[in-house]
């Protein structure tokens, strides 16, 4: 029986080694930017990977590398865009028009930091830079969806706390954040994630809330219909 146990153990070990050997990855190391500051990648609906970098020079800028999804080899020439101001990337997504939306902030000083979003068209030919000057802080999460009237909108989390909405056509953020209506004003709400439910056409956001005395903490999830200003 001991010999049988040893044989079975060796067979199982062999399966484990075979399965582990199947793990592999490709790597793309970019040297196209001399002083990179932040970066993000997005898998587009066309199947290619787009790699974005911001660099810290005068002027600031964004570089875009388009890579195939199998071997991460460039599918074309890298593209470069100059920016009106500095930009630190926190995240990115593809909207329903196939455009890229990059979000983050400018001015790293805490008292001067402003949220920023950048929209790059799907052919990677033009870039539009939109600072959110009505508030301080940074966009930490975001996604595309539709408002209650069927307008294409973007929803962002501002400072890991509030939800903000911007029209995807006119692309200027609303000055007023979307505050949760299910909690009283003495509760401090922190949103940490937002996504679009394309089946029910609603936004789903999650986070944690604290009581007015910060004596307790409770996680929550919200299902939200938003109304834009369009």
Protein backbone atom coordinates (compact mmCIF):
# COMPACT_ATOMS: atom_id res chain seq x y z
CA UNK A 1 0.00 0.00 0.00
CA UNK A 2 2.85 2.39 0.73
CA UNK A 3 4.24 1.88 -2.78
CA UNK A 4 0.78 2.63 -4.27
CA UNK A 5 0.52 5.83 -2.22
CA UNK A 6 3.95 6.93 -3.43
CA UNK A 7 3.01 6.22 -7.07
CA UNK A 8 -0.21 8.22 -6.84
CA UNK A 9 1.64 11.10 -5.18
CA UNK A 10 4.20 11.16 -8.00
CA UNK A 11 1.47 11.18 -10.64
CA UNK A 12 -0.35 14.05 -8.93
CA UNK A 13 2.93 15.96 -8.61
CA UNK A 14 3.52 15.45 -12.32
CA UNK A 15 0.08 16.87 -13.16
CA UNK A 16 0.76 19.89 -10.97
CA UNK A 17 4.07 20.54 -12.70
CA UNK A 18 2.47 20.22 -16.15
CA UNK A 19 -0.36 22.60 -15.27
CA UNK A 20 2.07 25.10 -13.80
CA UNK A 21 4.24 24.99 -16.92
CA UNK A 22 1.30 26.20 -19.01
CA UNK A 23 1.32 29.64 -17.34
CA UNK A 24 3.03 32.21 -19.54
CA UNK A 25 3.02 35.91 -20.25
CA UNK A 26 4.18 38.38 -22.85
CA UNK A 27 5.95 41.61 -21.99
CA UNK A 28 6.18 44.97 -23.73
CA UNK A 29 8.87 47.28 -22.38
CA UNK A 30 8.51 50.82 -23.65
CA UNK A 31 11.39 53.26 -23.94
CA UNK A 32 9.50 55.77 -26.07
CA UNK A 33 9.09 58.31 -23.24
CA UNK A 34 12.17 59.83 -21.63
CA UNK A 35 10.56 60.87 -18.34
CA UNK A 36 7.38 58.78 -17.88
CA UNK A 37 5.16 59.86 -14.99
CA UNK A 38 2.18 57.47 -15.16
CA UNK A 39 0.77 54.83 -17.48
CA UNK A 40 -2.32 52.70 -18.16
CA UNK A 41 -3.38 50.07 -20.69
CA UNK A 42 -6.81 49.44 -22.23
CA UNK A 43 -7.96 46.44 -24.27
CA UNK A 44 -10.08 47.95 -27.05
CA UNK A 45 -13.11 46.25 -28.56
CA UNK A 46 -11.07 45.84 -31.77
CA UNK A 47 -8.91 43.33 -29.86
CA UNK A 48 -5.74 45.42 -29.61
CA UNK A 49 -4.04 46.70 -26.46
CA UNK A 50 -3.46 50.45 -26.20
CA UNK A 51 -0.71 51.58 -23.84
CA UNK A 52 -0.87 55.21 -22.64
CA UNK A 53 1.90 57.11 -20.89
CA UNK A 54 2.11 60.64 -19.58
CA UNK A 55 5.51 62.28 -19.41
CA UNK A 56 6.86 65.02 -17.22
CA UNK A 57 8.46 67.50 -19.58
CA UNK A 58 7.62 71.00 -20.85
CA UNK A 59 5.13 70.70 -22.36
CA UNK A 60 3.58 67.64 -20.77
CA UNK A 61 2.20 65.02 -23.10
CA UNK A 62 0.56 61.65 -23.69
CA UNK A 63 2.00 58.83 -25.80
CA UNK A 64 -0.06 55.99 -27.27
CA UNK A 65 1.25 52.57 -28.34
CA UNK A 66 -1.09 50.18 -30.17
CA UNK A 67 -0.13 46.53 -29.62
CA UNK A 68 -1.57 43.24 -30.80
CA UNK A 69 -3.10 41.18 -28.01
CA UNK A 70 -1.15 37.98 -28.74
CA UNK A 71 2.51 38.94 -28.81
CA UNK A 72 2.30 42.60 -27.71
CA UNK A 73 4.08 43.74 -30.87
CA UNK A 74 3.35 47.26 -32.18
CA UNK A 75 0.71 47.38 -34.90
CA UNK A 76 1.63 50.88 -36.04
CA UNK A 77 3.63 53.96 -35.21
CA UNK A 78 3.47 55.40 -31.71
CA UNK A 79 1.51 58.65 -31.39
CA UNK A 80 2.28 61.68 -29.23
CA UNK A 81 0.04 64.49 -27.98
CA UNK A 82 1.03 67.69 -26.18
CA UNK A 83 -1.12 68.70 -23.19
CA UNK A 84 -2.13 72.10 -21.90
CA UNK A 85 -1.10 71.07 -18.39
CA UNK A 86 0.39 68.18 -16.46
CA UNK A 87 -1.60 64.97 -16.14
CA UNK A 88 -1.34 62.01 -13.78
CA UNK A 89 -3.26 58.95 -14.98
CA UNK A 90 -5.41 57.06 -12.45
CA UNK A 91 -7.42 54.89 -14.85
CA UNK A 92 -9.00 54.55 -18.29
CA UNK A 93 -11.86 52.89 -20.13
CA UNK A 94 -13.41 52.63 -23.60
CA UNK A 95 -16.74 54.39 -24.05
CA UNK A 96 -19.67 53.29 -26.23
CA UNK A 97 -18.33 55.24 -29.23
CA UNK A 98 -15.04 53.36 -29.10
CA UNK A 99 -13.23 56.39 -27.71
CA UNK A 100 -10.66 56.20 -24.92
CA UNK A 101 -11.36 58.07 -21.69
CA UNK A 102 -8.38 58.64 -19.40
CA UNK A 103 -8.93 60.18 -15.98
CA UNK A 104 -6.84 61.37 -13.07
CA UNK A 105 -5.64 64.77 -11.89
CA UNK A 106 -3.32 67.72 -12.42
CA UNK A 107 -1.26 69.66 -9.86
CA UNK A 108 0.01 67.08 -7.34
CA UNK A 109 0.00 69.62 -4.51
CA UNK A 110 -2.93 68.68 -2.27
CA UNK A 111 -4.49 72.14 -2.13
CA UNK A 112 -4.17 72.71 -5.91
CA UNK A 113 -5.05 69.24 -7.23
CA UNK A 114 -7.86 69.25 -9.84
CA UNK A 115 -9.63 66.29 -11.46
CA UNK A 116 -8.99 65.89 -15.19
CA UNK A 117 -10.39 63.70 -17.93
CA UNK A 118 -8.99 63.20 -21.42
CA UNK A 119 -10.98 61.87 -24.39
CA UNK A 120 -9.05 60.38 -27.32
CA UNK A 121 -10.98 59.42 -30.44
CA UNK A 122 -11.06 55.80 -31.54
CA UNK A 123 -8.66 56.36 -34.46
CA UNK A 124 -6.17 57.90 -31.98
CA UNK A 125 -5.93 61.07 -34.06
CA UNK A 126 -7.26 63.78 -31.72
CA UNK A 127 -7.10 64.40 -27.98
CA UNK A 128 -9.29 66.65 -25.84
CA UNK A 129 -8.21 67.73 -22.36
CA UNK A 130 -10.90 68.64 -19.80
CA UNK A 131 -9.90 69.97 -16.36
CA UNK A 132 -12.57 69.87 -13.66
CA UNK A 133 -11.95 73.29 -12.13
CA UNK A 134 -15.10 73.40 -9.98
CA UNK A 135 -13.60 71.15 -7.33
CA UNK A 136 -10.30 69.91 -5.93
CA UNK A 137 -8.97 66.38 -5.86
CA UNK A 138 -8.81 63.57 -8.40
CA UNK A 139 -10.96 61.11 -10.32
CA UNK A 140 -10.16 57.67 -8.91
CA UNK A 141 -12.63 55.41 -10.80
CA UNK A 142 -14.91 55.85 -13.79
CA UNK A 143 -17.04 54.20 -16.44
CA UNK A 144 -19.34 54.96 -19.36
CA UNK A 145 -23.11 54.46 -19.34
CA UNK A 146 -26.41 56.18 -20.03
CA UNK A 147 -28.49 58.54 -17.98
CA UNK A 148 -32.21 58.10 -17.32
CA UNK A 149 -33.07 59.90 -20.59
CA UNK A 150 -30.79 57.66 -22.64
CA UNK A 151 -27.92 60.15 -23.06
CA UNK A 152 -24.39 58.80 -23.21
CA UNK A 153 -22.60 59.90 -20.03
CA UNK A 154 -19.50 59.24 -17.95
CA UNK A 155 -19.66 58.74 -14.18
CA UNK A 156 -16.57 59.20 -12.02
CA UNK A 157 -15.69 58.78 -8.36
CA UNK A 158 -14.19 61.97 -6.99
CA UNK A 159 -11.65 61.59 -4.16
CA UNK A 160 -12.84 58.07 -3.27
CA UNK A 161 -16.02 59.65 -1.96
CA UNK A 162 -18.52 61.30 -4.33
CA UNK A 163 -20.03 60.35 -7.68
CA UNK A 164 -19.80 62.92 -10.48
CA UNK A 165 -21.41 62.86 -13.92
CA UNK A 166 -20.33 64.41 -17.20
CA UNK A 167 -22.03 64.48 -20.58
CA UNK A 168 -20.12 62.34 -23.07
CA UNK A 169 -21.01 64.67 -25.96
CA UNK A 170 -20.33 68.14 -24.55
CA UNK A 171 -17.82 66.61 -22.12
CA UNK A 172 -17.77 69.02 -19.24
CA UNK A 173 -18.26 67.73 -15.71
CA UNK A 174 -21.23 68.88 -13.70
CA UNK A 175 -20.36 71.20 -10.83
CA UNK A 176 -22.61 69.25 -8.47
CA UNK A 177 -21.64 65.71 -7.43
CA UNK A 178 -24.30 63.01 -7.22
CA UNK A 179 -24.92 62.48 -3.51
CA UNK A 180 -26.52 59.26 -2.30
CA UNK A 181 -30.16 59.67 -1.34
CA UNK A 182 -30.42 56.51 0.75
CA UNK A 183 -28.34 57.86 3.62
CA UNK A 184 -28.84 60.80 5.95
CA UNK A 185 -26.50 63.79 5.84
CA UNK A 186 -24.71 62.83 9.06
CA UNK A 187 -23.26 59.74 7.40
CA UNK A 188 -19.94 60.02 5.57
CA UNK A 189 -20.10 57.96 2.37
CA UNK A 190 -17.01 56.77 0.50
CA UNK A 191 -17.51 55.27 -2.95
CA UNK A 192 -14.68 53.04 -4.13
CA UNK A 193 -16.04 51.43 -7.31
CA UNK A 194 -18.57 52.21 -10.05
CA UNK A 195 -19.60 50.17 -13.10
CA UNK A 196 -22.31 50.07 -15.74
CA UNK A 197 -24.93 47.30 -15.79
CA UNK A 198 -25.77 47.06 -19.49
CA UNK A 199 -28.53 44.51 -18.86
CA UNK A 200 -30.65 46.75 -16.62
CA UNK A 201 -29.17 50.07 -17.81
CA UNK A 202 -28.19 51.28 -14.37
CA UNK A 203 -24.99 52.25 -12.60
CA UNK A 204 -23.78 50.05 -9.75
CA UNK A 205 -21.57 51.67 -7.11
CA UNK A 206 -20.08 50.27 -3.91
CA UNK A 207 -18.15 51.58 -0.95
CA UNK A 208 -18.33 52.10 2.79
CA UNK A 209 -20.11 54.58 5.06
CA UNK A 210 -19.40 55.83 8.57
CA UNK A 211 -21.72 57.23 11.20
CA UNK A 212 -21.46 60.85 12.26
CA UNK A 213 -19.20 59.85 15.17
CA UNK A 214 -17.14 57.49 12.96
CA UNK A 215 -17.91 54.78 15.51
CA UNK A 216 -19.00 52.19 12.97
CA UNK A 217 -18.37 51.28 9.36
CA UNK A 218 -20.69 49.51 6.93
CA UNK A 219 -20.06 48.38 3.34
CA UNK A 220 -22.85 49.01 0.83
CA UNK A 221 -23.82 48.68 -2.82
CA UNK A 222 -26.08 51.14 -4.67
CA UNK A 223 -28.03 50.75 -7.90
CA UNK A 224 -28.38 54.21 -9.41
CA UNK A 225 -30.34 55.96 -12.15
CA UNK A 226 -28.54 59.20 -12.99
CA UNK A 227 -29.91 62.37 -14.52
CA UNK A 228 -27.53 64.53 -16.56
CA UNK A 229 -27.81 68.24 -17.24
CA UNK A 230 -28.27 67.84 -20.99
